[in-house]
C-alpha cells in the first residue's frame, strides 16, 4: 500500500501505520484523513493482519488539525465544512470499529484530533513525555468529531473540564483518567507496545473481533431482559465456531492454539 502521508510497516502479522508528516507534527489535512481511512479499511480486510499499531514519525504522535487546512475551512461554505467534517468523523469511526485490535503508540503531542486518534484505538500506551489536550476551544471551535471516543475514554465529567479548559494533560494524568492505559518511560515505549502485541496475538482473531462488538453492544446499557438475552446468544453462537473448538482443544491438549502456532 502506497500513501502520500503514511508509511505502512509489516512485521509478521502486525502492521504499523506511521503517520508521516513530521514537519507539521503529523497534523491532519484532507490527504491524511483520506489515507488513514483507506489504510484502516485495507488492513481490516487483510486476514494476515492480526493487530494494528498507530504511530507518528518525528517529534509528535499528532498535533491535531493542520492550520492551513483550518484556514481553508474558515473560508469554505457550510456545505463544504460539513463534507470535510463527515470525512474526519468517518475516519475516526473506521479506526474505532476495526475488527482487529488497535494500539496507539503515543509520544510527544497528541492534541485535538491526535487525542481523538488515541481515544479511538482500543489500547493507548503513552511515553512519559506525551502531552494530550482537547485544544479546540482555543480556536473558537469544539472537539465534535472526536467527542464520542474521548468521552468513552475519560467520561462525561472529565470531558466537561477538558473540553472547556483545553488544559494540557500529561502522560501520567492521561493514565489516571483512563485515556492512556499505561504511561511508561520514553525509552520503554516500544518494548511495552510489543508486550501488548504479544499478548494480543495469543487470542483468537474472531473472538477478539466479537469482543469488540460485545463492548459496543453492552456499554452504557441497563441490564435488561433484552441485554441478557443478547449476551447469551453471543456466547452460544461463538461456542459452536471452529475457532472456539480449536481453542478448547488446544487448552485440553496443552498445546498452542492454531492461530498462535501459525505466527
C-alpha atoms as a PDB file:
ATOM      1  CA  UNK A   1       0.000   0.000   0.000  1.00  0.00           C
ATOM      2  CA  UNK A   2       1.328   3.428  -1.020  1.00  0.00           C
ATOM      3  CA  UNK A   3       0.082   6.591   0.644  1.00  0.00           C
ATOM      4  CA  UNK A   4       1.018  10.249   0.432  1.00  0.00           C
ATOM      5  CA  UNK A   5       1.017  10.844   4.197  1.00  0.00           C
ATOM      6  CA  UNK A   6       1.554   7.385   5.715  1.00  0.00           C
ATOM      7  CA  UNK A   7       4.040   4.549   5.829  1.00  0.00           C
ATOM      8  CA  UNK A   8       2.767   1.025   6.475  1.00  0.00           C
ATOM      9  CA  UNK A   9       5.320  -1.309   8.068  1.00  0.00           C
ATOM     10  CA  UNK A  10       4.675  -5.035   8.424  1.00  0.00           C
ATOM     11  CA  UNK A  11       6.361  -7.385  10.877  1.00  0.00           C
ATOM     12  CA  UNK A  12       4.737 -10.788  10.597  1.00  0.00           C
ATOM     13  CA  UNK A  13       1.056 -10.419  11.377  1.00  0.00           C
ATOM     14  CA  UNK A  14       1.441  -6.942  12.907  1.00  0.00           C
ATOM     15  CA  UNK A  15       1.001  -3.776  10.828  1.00  0.00           C
ATOM     16  CA  UNK A  16       2.171  -0.356  11.975  1.00  0.00           C
ATOM     17  CA  UNK A  17       0.586   2.723  10.435  1.00  0.00           C
ATOM     18  CA  UNK A  18       3.149   5.522  10.664  1.00  0.00           C
ATOM     19  CA  UNK A  19       1.692   8.970  10.167  1.00  0.00           C
ATOM     20  CA  UNK A  20       4.437  10.632   8.141  1.00  0.00           C
ATOM     21  CA  UNK A  21       4.090  14.405   8.180  1.00  0.00           C
ATOM     22  CA  UNK A  22       6.826  15.100  10.755  1.00  0.00           C
ATOM     23  CA  UNK A  23       7.399  18.684   9.594  1.00  0.00           C
ATOM     24  CA  UNK A  24       3.883  19.602  10.836  1.00  0.00           C
ATOM     25  CA  UNK A  25       3.816  17.135  13.753  1.00  0.00           C
ATOM     26  CA  UNK A  26       1.519  14.782  11.786  1.00  0.00           C
ATOM     27  CA  UNK A  27      -1.293  17.322  11.749  1.00  0.00           C
ATOM     28  CA  UNK A  28      -4.488  16.397   9.890  1.00  0.00           C
ATOM     29  CA  UNK A  29      -5.284  17.612   6.419  1.00  0.00           C
ATOM     30  CA  UNK A  30      -7.521  16.223   3.694  1.00  0.00           C
ATOM     31  CA  UNK A  31      -4.812  13.825   2.499  1.00  0.00           C
ATOM     32  CA  UNK A  32      -4.031  12.359   5.921  1.00  0.00           C
ATOM     33  CA  UNK A  33      -7.724  11.853   6.687  1.00  0.00           C
ATOM     34  CA  UNK A  34      -8.265  10.069   3.359  1.00  0.00           C
ATOM     35  CA  UNK A  35      -5.101   7.980   3.737  1.00  0.00           C
ATOM     36  CA  UNK A  36      -5.934   6.874   7.289  1.00  0.00           C
ATOM     37  CA  UNK A  37      -9.429   5.883   6.235  1.00  0.00           C
ATOM     38  CA  UNK A  38      -8.142   3.829   3.307  1.00  0.00           C
ATOM     39  CA  UNK A  39      -5.317   2.229   5.326  1.00  0.00           C
ATOM     40  CA  UNK A  40      -7.648   1.140   8.131  1.00  0.00           C
ATOM     41  CA  UNK A  41     -10.115  -0.323   5.639  1.00  0.00           C
ATOM     42  CA  UNK A  42      -7.380  -2.222   3.773  1.00  0.00           C
ATOM     43  CA  UNK A  43      -5.732  -3.623   6.900  1.00  0.00           C
ATOM     44  CA  UNK A  44      -9.074  -4.627   8.384  1.00  0.00           C
ATOM     45  CA  UNK A  45      -9.852  -6.609   5.239  1.00  0.00           C
ATOM     46  CA  UNK A  46      -6.456  -8.379   5.280  1.00  0.00           C
ATOM     47  CA  UNK A  47      -6.779 -11.686   7.145  1.00  0.00           C
ATOM     48  CA  UNK A  48      -2.992 -11.913   7.508  1.00  0.00           C
ATOM     49  CA  UNK A  49      -3.032  -8.857   9.807  1.00  0.00           C
ATOM     50  CA  UNK A  50      -3.713  -9.654  13.459  1.00  0.00           C
ATOM     51  CA  UNK A  51      -3.022  -6.313  15.142  1.00  0.00           C
ATOM     52  CA  UNK A  52      -2.534  -2.689  14.087  1.00  0.00           C
ATOM     53  CA  UNK A  53      -0.310  -0.083  15.755  1.00  0.00           C
ATOM     54  CA  UNK A  54      -0.884   3.603  15.060  1.00  0.00           C
ATOM     55  CA  UNK A  55       2.191   5.800  15.499  1.00  0.00           C
ATOM     56  CA  UNK A  56       3.716   9.083  14.343  1.00  0.00           C
ATOM     57  CA  UNK A  57       7.056   9.890  12.746  1.00  0.00           C
ATOM     58  CA  UNK A  58       9.117  12.737  14.134  1.00  0.00           C
ATOM     59  CA  UNK A  59       8.617  14.533  17.428  1.00  0.00           C
ATOM     60  CA  UNK A  60       4.860  14.006  17.838  1.00  0.00           C
ATOM     61  CA  UNK A  61       2.076  11.459  17.553  1.00  0.00           C
ATOM     62  CA  UNK A  62      -0.288  14.064  16.047  1.00  0.00           C
ATOM     63  CA  UNK A  63      -0.774  17.744  16.785  1.00  0.00           C
ATOM     64  CA  UNK A  64      -4.373  17.738  15.532  1.00  0.00           C
ATOM     65  CA  UNK A  65      -5.652  19.839  12.658  1.00  0.00           C
ATOM     66  CA  UNK A  66      -3.276  21.374  10.131  1.00  0.00           C
ATOM     67  CA  UNK A  67      -3.541  25.173  10.419  1.00  0.00           C
ATOM     68  CA  UNK A  68      -3.586  25.625   6.650  1.00  0.00           C
ATOM     69  CA  UNK A  69      -6.471  23.149   6.431  1.00  0.00           C
ATOM     70  CA  UNK A  70      -8.294  25.078   9.171  1.00  0.00           C
ATOM     71  CA  UNK A  71      -7.748  28.370   7.306  1.00  0.00           C
ATOM     72  CA  UNK A  72      -9.259  26.881   4.173  1.00  0.00           C
ATOM     73  CA  UNK A  73     -12.198  25.591   6.200  1.00  0.00           C
ATOM     74  CA  UNK A  74     -12.799  29.063   7.632  1.00  0.00           C
ATOM     75  CA  UNK A  75     -13.257  30.408   4.098  1.00  0.00           C
ATOM     76  CA  UNK A  76     -15.378  27.482   2.891  1.00  0.00           C
ATOM     77  CA  UNK A  77     -19.162  27.254   2.757  1.00  0.00           C
ATOM     78  CA  UNK A  78     -21.224  25.496   5.409  1.00  0.00           C
ATOM     79  CA  UNK A  79     -21.864  22.624   2.976  1.00  0.00           C
ATOM     80  CA  UNK A  80     -18.129  22.241   2.283  1.00  0.00           C
ATOM     81  CA  UNK A  81     -17.375  22.294   6.002  1.00  0.00           C
ATOM     82  CA  UNK A  82     -20.000  19.620   6.651  1.00  0.00           C
ATOM     83  CA  UNK A  83     -18.470  17.418   3.929  1.00  0.00           C
ATOM     84  CA  UNK A  84     -14.996  17.848   5.457  1.00  0.00           C
ATOM     85  CA  UNK A  85     -16.280  17.130   8.966  1.00  0.00           C
ATOM     86  CA  UNK A  86     -18.023  13.978   7.765  1.00  0.00           C
ATOM     87  CA  UNK A  87     -14.749  12.695   6.312  1.00  0.00           C
ATOM     88  CA  UNK A  88     -12.941  13.269   9.619  1.00  0.00           C
ATOM     89  CA  UNK A  89     -15.760  11.658  11.606  1.00  0.00           C
ATOM     90  CA  UNK A  90     -15.822   8.732   9.180  1.00  0.00           C
ATOM     91  CA  UNK A  91     -12.079   8.180   9.517  1.00  0.00           C
ATOM     92  CA  UNK A  92     -12.293   8.089  13.307  1.00  0.00           C
ATOM     93  CA  UNK A  93     -15.196   5.656  13.199  1.00  0.00           C
ATOM     94  CA  UNK A  94     -13.371   3.422  10.710  1.00  0.00           C
ATOM     95  CA  UNK A  95     -10.409   3.253  13.098  1.00  0.00           C
ATOM     96  CA  UNK A  96     -12.586   2.727  16.182  1.00  0.00           C
ATOM     97  CA  UNK A  97     -14.645  -0.060  14.606  1.00  0.00           C
ATOM     98  CA  UNK A  98     -11.839  -2.098  13.053  1.00  0.00           C
ATOM     99  CA  UNK A  99     -12.221  -5.804  13.768  1.00  0.00           C
ATOM    100  CA  UNK A 100      -8.509  -6.046  14.565  1.00  0.00           C
ATOM    101  CA  UNK A 101      -7.045  -4.899  17.904  1.00  0.00           C
ATOM    102  CA  UNK A 102      -5.549  -1.410  17.617  1.00  0.00           C
ATOM    103  CA  UNK A 103      -2.846   0.213  19.736  1.00  0.00           C
ATOM    104  CA  UNK A 104      -1.956   3.904  19.832  1.00  0.00           C
ATOM    105  CA  UNK A 105       1.791   4.396  20.400  1.00  0.00           C
ATOM    106  CA  UNK A 106       1.810   7.953  21.681  1.00  0.00           C
ATOM    107  CA  UNK A 107       4.852  10.169  22.066  1.00  0.00           C
ATOM    108  CA  UNK A 108       5.123  13.949  22.051  1.00  0.00           C
ATOM    109  CA  UNK A 109       1.970  15.894  21.226  1.00  0.00           C
ATOM    110  CA  UNK A 110      -1.441  14.236  20.890  1.00  0.00           C
ATOM    111  CA  UNK A 111      -3.607  17.326  20.596  1.00  0.00           C
ATOM    112  CA  UNK A 112      -7.156  17.812  19.342  1.00  0.00           C
ATOM    113  CA  UNK A 113      -7.658  15.222  16.629  1.00  0.00           C
ATOM    114  CA  UNK A 114      -4.484  13.492  17.797  1.00  0.00           C
ATOM    115  CA  UNK A 115      -6.120  12.888  21.171  1.00  0.00           C
ATOM    116  CA  UNK A 116      -9.129  11.640  19.221  1.00  0.00           C
ATOM    117  CA  UNK A 117      -6.996   9.086  17.396  1.00  0.00           C
ATOM    118  CA  UNK A 118      -5.514   7.860  20.689  1.00  0.00           C
ATOM    119  CA  UNK A 119      -9.032   7.555  22.144  1.00  0.00           C
ATOM    120  CA  UNK A 120     -10.399   5.738  19.089  1.00  0.00           C
ATOM    121  CA  UNK A 121      -7.778   2.987  19.370  1.00  0.00           C
ATOM    122  CA  UNK A 122      -8.549   0.026  21.642  1.00  0.00           C
ATOM    123  CA  UNK A 123      -5.365   0.442  23.655  1.00  0.00           C
ATOM    124  CA  UNK A 124      -3.243   3.545  24.261  1.00  0.00           C
ATOM    125  CA  UNK A 125       0.334   3.363  25.554  1.00  0.00           C
ATOM    126  CA  UNK A 126       1.941   6.747  26.187  1.00  0.00           C
ATOM    127  CA  UNK A 127       5.574   7.666  26.646  1.00  0.00           C
ATOM    128  CA  UNK A 128       6.228   9.783  29.721  1.00  0.00           C
ATOM    129  CA  UNK A 129       6.803  12.914  27.613  1.00  0.00           C
ATOM    130  CA  UNK A 130       3.470  12.650  25.798  1.00  0.00           C
ATOM    131  CA  UNK A 131       1.038  15.550  26.132  1.00  0.00           C
ATOM    132  CA  UNK A 132      -2.681  15.370  25.359  1.00  0.00           C
ATOM    133  CA  UNK A 133      -5.302  18.109  25.030  1.00  0.00           C
ATOM    134  CA  UNK A 134      -8.684  18.902  23.556  1.00  0.00           C
ATOM    135  CA  UNK A 135      -7.472  22.321  22.476  1.00  0.00           C
ATOM    136  CA  UNK A 136     -10.296  23.213  20.076  1.00  0.00           C
ATOM    137  CA  UNK A 137     -11.916  25.972  22.175  1.00  0.00           C
ATOM    138  CA  UNK A 138      -8.700  27.979  21.868  1.00  0.00           C
ATOM    139  CA  UNK A 139      -9.511  28.237  18.159  1.00  0.00           C
ATOM    140  CA  UNK A 140     -13.186  29.033  18.700  1.00  0.00           C
ATOM    141  CA  UNK A 141     -14.391  25.549  17.776  1.00  0.00           C
ATOM    142  CA  UNK A 142     -15.312  22.331  19.636  1.00  0.00           C
ATOM    143  CA  UNK A 143     -13.908  18.759  19.708  1.00  0.00           C
ATOM    144  CA  UNK A 144     -17.000  17.487  17.972  1.00  0.00           C
ATOM    145  CA  UNK A 145     -15.836  14.625  15.736  1.00  0.00           C
ATOM    146  CA  UNK A 146     -13.551  13.190  18.426  1.00  0.00           C
ATOM    147  CA  UNK A 147     -16.078  13.567  21.254  1.00  0.00           C
ATOM    148  CA  UNK A 148     -17.630  10.049  21.126  1.00  0.00           C
ATOM    149  CA  UNK A 149     -14.205   8.457  21.592  1.00  0.00           C
ATOM    150  CA  UNK A 150     -12.775  10.904  24.127  1.00  0.00           C
ATOM    151  CA  UNK A 151     -15.933  10.778  26.255  1.00  0.00           C
ATOM    152  CA  UNK A 152     -15.875   6.980  26.058  1.00  0.00           C
ATOM    153  CA  UNK A 153     -12.276   7.070  27.302  1.00  0.00           C
ATOM    154  CA  UNK A 154     -12.482   9.626  30.121  1.00  0.00           C
ATOM    155  CA  UNK A 155     -16.206  10.011  30.838  1.00  0.00           C
ATOM    156  CA  UNK A 156     -18.536  12.984  30.534  1.00  0.00           C
ATOM    157  CA  UNK A 157     -17.499  14.559  33.857  1.00  0.00           C
ATOM    158  CA  UNK A 158     -13.806  14.824  32.949  1.00  0.00           C
ATOM    159  CA  UNK A 159     -14.655  15.818  29.385  1.00  0.00           C
ATOM    160  CA  UNK A 160     -16.693  18.682  30.819  1.00  0.00           C
ATOM    161  CA  UNK A 161     -13.474  20.050  32.268  1.00  0.00           C
ATOM    162  CA  UNK A 162     -11.005  19.438  29.490  1.00  0.00           C
ATOM    163  CA  UNK A 163     -13.278  20.319  26.556  1.00  0.00           C
ATOM    164  CA  UNK A 164     -13.690  23.791  28.095  1.00  0.00           C
ATOM    165  CA  UNK A 165     -10.299  24.481  29.640  1.00  0.00           C
ATOM    166  CA  UNK A 166      -8.126  22.943  26.888  1.00  0.00           C
ATOM    167  CA  UNK A 167      -5.579  22.181  29.611  1.00  0.00           C
ATOM    168  CA  UNK A 168      -2.576  20.068  28.707  1.00  0.00           C
ATOM    169  CA  UNK A 169      -2.772  16.524  30.084  1.00  0.00           C
ATOM    170  CA  UNK A 170       0.456  14.737  30.961  1.00  0.00           C
ATOM    171  CA  UNK A 171       1.003  11.061  30.218  1.00  0.00           C
ATOM    172  CA  UNK A 172       0.675  10.250  33.918  1.00  0.00           C
ATOM    173  CA  UNK A 173      -2.590  12.193  34.180  1.00  0.00           C
ATOM    174  CA  UNK A 174      -3.837  10.548  30.969  1.00  0.00           C
ATOM    175  CA  UNK A 175      -3.309   7.165  32.621  1.00  0.00           C
ATOM    176  CA  UNK A 176      -5.201   8.327  35.721  1.00  0.00           C
ATOM    177  CA  UNK A 177      -8.106   9.454  33.535  1.00  0.00           C
ATOM    178  CA  UNK A 178      -8.228   6.203  31.553  1.00  0.00           C
ATOM    179  CA  UNK A 179      -7.238   7.939  28.318  1.00  0.00           C
ATOM    180  CA  UNK A 180      -3.935   6.058  28.281  1.00  0.00           C
ATOM    181  CA  UNK A 181      -3.889   2.509  29.571  1.00  0.00           C
ATOM    182  CA  UNK A 182      -0.278   2.960  30.662  1.00  0.00           C
ATOM    183  CA  UNK A 183       2.319   5.717  30.866  1.00  0.00           C
ATOM    184  CA  UNK A 184       5.853   4.373  30.538  1.00  0.00           C
ATOM    185  CA  UNK A 185       9.358   5.846  30.300  1.00  0.00           C
ATOM    186  CA  UNK A 186      10.017   7.014  26.742  1.00  0.00           C
ATOM    187  CA  UNK A 187      12.866   4.543  26.333  1.00  0.00           C
ATOM    188  CA  UNK A 188      10.486   1.681  27.157  1.00  0.00           C
ATOM    189  CA  UNK A 189       7.593   2.736  24.903  1.00  0.00           C
ATOM    190  CA  UNK A 190       8.311   0.401  22.001  1.00  0.00           C
ATOM    191  CA  UNK A 191       9.075  -2.558  24.261  1.00  0.00           C
ATOM    192  CA  UNK A 192       5.805  -2.089  26.138  1.00  0.00           C
ATOM    193  CA  UNK A 193       3.836  -1.838  22.900  1.00  0.00           C
ATOM    194  CA  UNK A 194       5.432  -5.086  21.766  1.00  0.00           C
ATOM    195  CA  UNK A 195       4.491  -6.732  25.086  1.00  0.00           C
ATOM    196  CA  UNK A 196       0.860  -5.779  24.440  1.00  0.00           C
ATOM    197  CA  UNK A 197       1.077  -7.049  20.863  1.00  0.00           C
ATOM    198  CA  UNK A 198       2.457 -10.385  22.084  1.00  0.00           C
ATOM    199  CA  UNK A 199      -0.484 -10.726  24.474  1.00  0.00           C
ATOM    200  CA  UNK A 200      -2.970  -9.871  21.718  1.00  0.00           C
ATOM    201  CA  UNK A 201      -1.543 -12.489  19.378  1.00  0.00           C
ATOM    202  CA  UNK A 202      -2.384 -15.231  21.884  1.00  0.00           C
ATOM    203  CA  UNK A 203      -6.108 -14.576  21.425  1.00  0.00           C
ATOM    204  CA  UNK A 204      -8.360 -15.917  18.684  1.00  0.00           C
ATOM    205  CA  UNK A 205      -8.866 -13.293  15.940  1.00  0.00           C
ATOM    206  CA  UNK A 206     -12.585 -13.942  15.517  1.00  0.00           C
ATOM    207  CA  UNK A 207     -13.176 -13.882  19.264  1.00  0.00           C
ATOM    208  CA  UNK A 208     -11.285 -10.597  19.572  1.00  0.00           C
ATOM    209  CA  UNK A 209     -13.487  -9.069  16.869  1.00  0.00           C
ATOM    210  CA  UNK A 210     -16.544 -10.418  18.696  1.00  0.00           C
ATOM    211  CA  UNK A 211     -15.244  -8.977  21.982  1.00  0.00           C
ATOM    212  CA  UNK A 212     -15.020  -5.518  20.410  1.00  0.00           C
ATOM    213  CA  UNK A 213     -18.566  -5.849  19.085  1.00  0.00           C
ATOM    214  CA  UNK A 214     -19.709  -7.022  22.531  1.00  0.00           C
ATOM    215  CA  UNK A 215     -18.346  -3.896  24.205  1.00  0.00           C
ATOM    216  CA  UNK A 216     -20.138  -1.653  21.712  1.00  0.00           C
ATOM    217  CA  UNK A 217     -23.383  -3.571  22.303  1.00  0.00           C
ATOM    218  CA  UNK A 218     -23.224  -3.620  26.121  1.00  0.00           C
ATOM    219  CA  UNK A 219     -21.532  -0.365  27.173  1.00  0.00           C
ATOM    220  CA  UNK A 220     -23.793   2.169  28.898  1.00  0.00           C
ATOM    221  CA  UNK A 221     -26.908  -0.006  28.562  1.00  0.00           C
ATOM    222  CA  UNK A 222     -29.028  -1.038  31.555  1.00  0.00           C
ATOM    223  CA  UNK A 223     -29.168  -4.738  32.399  1.00  0.00           C
ATOM    224  CA  UNK A 224     -32.467  -5.696  30.831  1.00  0.00           C
ATOM    225  CA  UNK A 225     -34.013  -8.951  29.647  1.00  0.00           C
ATOM    226  CA  UNK A 226     -33.052  -7.981  26.107  1.00  0.00           C
ATOM    227  CA  UNK A 227     -29.425  -7.348  27.039  1.00  0.00           C
ATOM    228  CA  UNK A 228     -29.128 -10.624  28.970  1.00  0.00           C
ATOM    229  CA  UNK A 229     -30.620 -12.493  26.019  1.00  0.00           C
ATOM    230  CA  UNK A 230     -28.234 -10.772  23.613  1.00  0.00           C
ATOM    231  CA  UNK A 231     -25.165 -11.722  25.667  1.00  0.00           C
ATOM    232  CA  UNK A 232     -26.381 -15.319  25.981  1.00  0.00           C
ATOM    233  CA  UNK A 233     -26.840 -15.602  22.240  1.00  0.00           C
ATOM    234  CA  UNK A 234     -23.423 -14.109  21.531  1.00  0.00           C
ATOM    235  CA  UNK A 235     -21.534 -16.662  23.651  1.00  0.00           C
ATOM    236  CA  UNK A 236     -23.702 -19.547  22.470  1.00  0.00           C
ATOM    237  CA  UNK A 237     -23.025 -18.659  18.836  1.00  0.00           C
ATOM    238  CA  UNK A 238     -19.276 -18.440  19.397  1.00  0.00           C
ATOM    239  CA  UNK A 239     -19.055 -21.761  21.258  1.00  0.00           C
ATOM    240  CA  UNK A 240     -20.031 -23.590  18.077  1.00  0.00           C
ATOM    241  CA  UNK A 241     -17.376 -21.958  15.876  1.00  0.00           C
ATOM    242  CA  UNK A 242     -14.218 -23.735  14.676  1.00  0.00           C
ATOM    243  CA  UNK A 243     -12.084 -21.141  16.474  1.00  0.00           C
ATOM    244  CA  UNK A 244     -13.731 -21.855  19.832  1.00  0.00           C
ATOM    245  CA  UNK A 245     -13.459 -25.611  19.339  1.00  0.00           C
ATOM    246  CA  UNK A 246      -9.777 -25.254  18.450  1.00  0.00           C
ATOM    247  CA  UNK A 247      -9.142 -23.025  21.474  1.00  0.00           C
ATOM    248  CA  UNK A 248     -10.702 -25.529  23.874  1.00  0.00           C
ATOM    249  CA  UNK A 249      -8.919 -28.484  22.243  1.00  0.00           C
ATOM    250  CA  UNK A 250      -5.567 -26.681  22.437  1.00  0.00           C
ATOM    251  CA  UNK A 251      -6.095 -25.945  26.126  1.00  0.00           C
ATOM    252  CA  UNK A 252      -7.007 -29.575  26.902  1.00  0.00           C
ATOM    253  CA  UNK A 253      -4.100 -30.875  24.794  1.00  0.00           C
ATOM    254  CA  UNK A 254      -1.709 -28.402  26.463  1.00  0.00           C
ATOM    255  CA  UNK A 255      -0.520 -27.031  23.116  1.00  0.00           C
ATOM    256  CA  UNK A 256      -0.655 -23.624  21.403  1.00  0.00           C
ATOM    257  CA  UNK A 257      -3.836 -22.886  19.506  1.00  0.00           C
ATOM    258  CA  UNK A 258      -3.580 -22.941  15.726  1.00  0.00           C
ATOM    259  CA  UNK A 259      -3.577 -19.128  15.455  1.00  0.00           C
ATOM    260  CA  UNK A 260      -0.590 -18.963  17.827  1.00  0.00           C
ATOM    261  CA  UNK A 261       1.320 -21.786  16.147  1.00  0.00           C
ATOM    262  CA  UNK A 262       0.825 -20.106  12.758  1.00  0.00           C
ATOM    263  CA  UNK A 263       2.577 -16.887  13.854  1.00  0.00           C
END
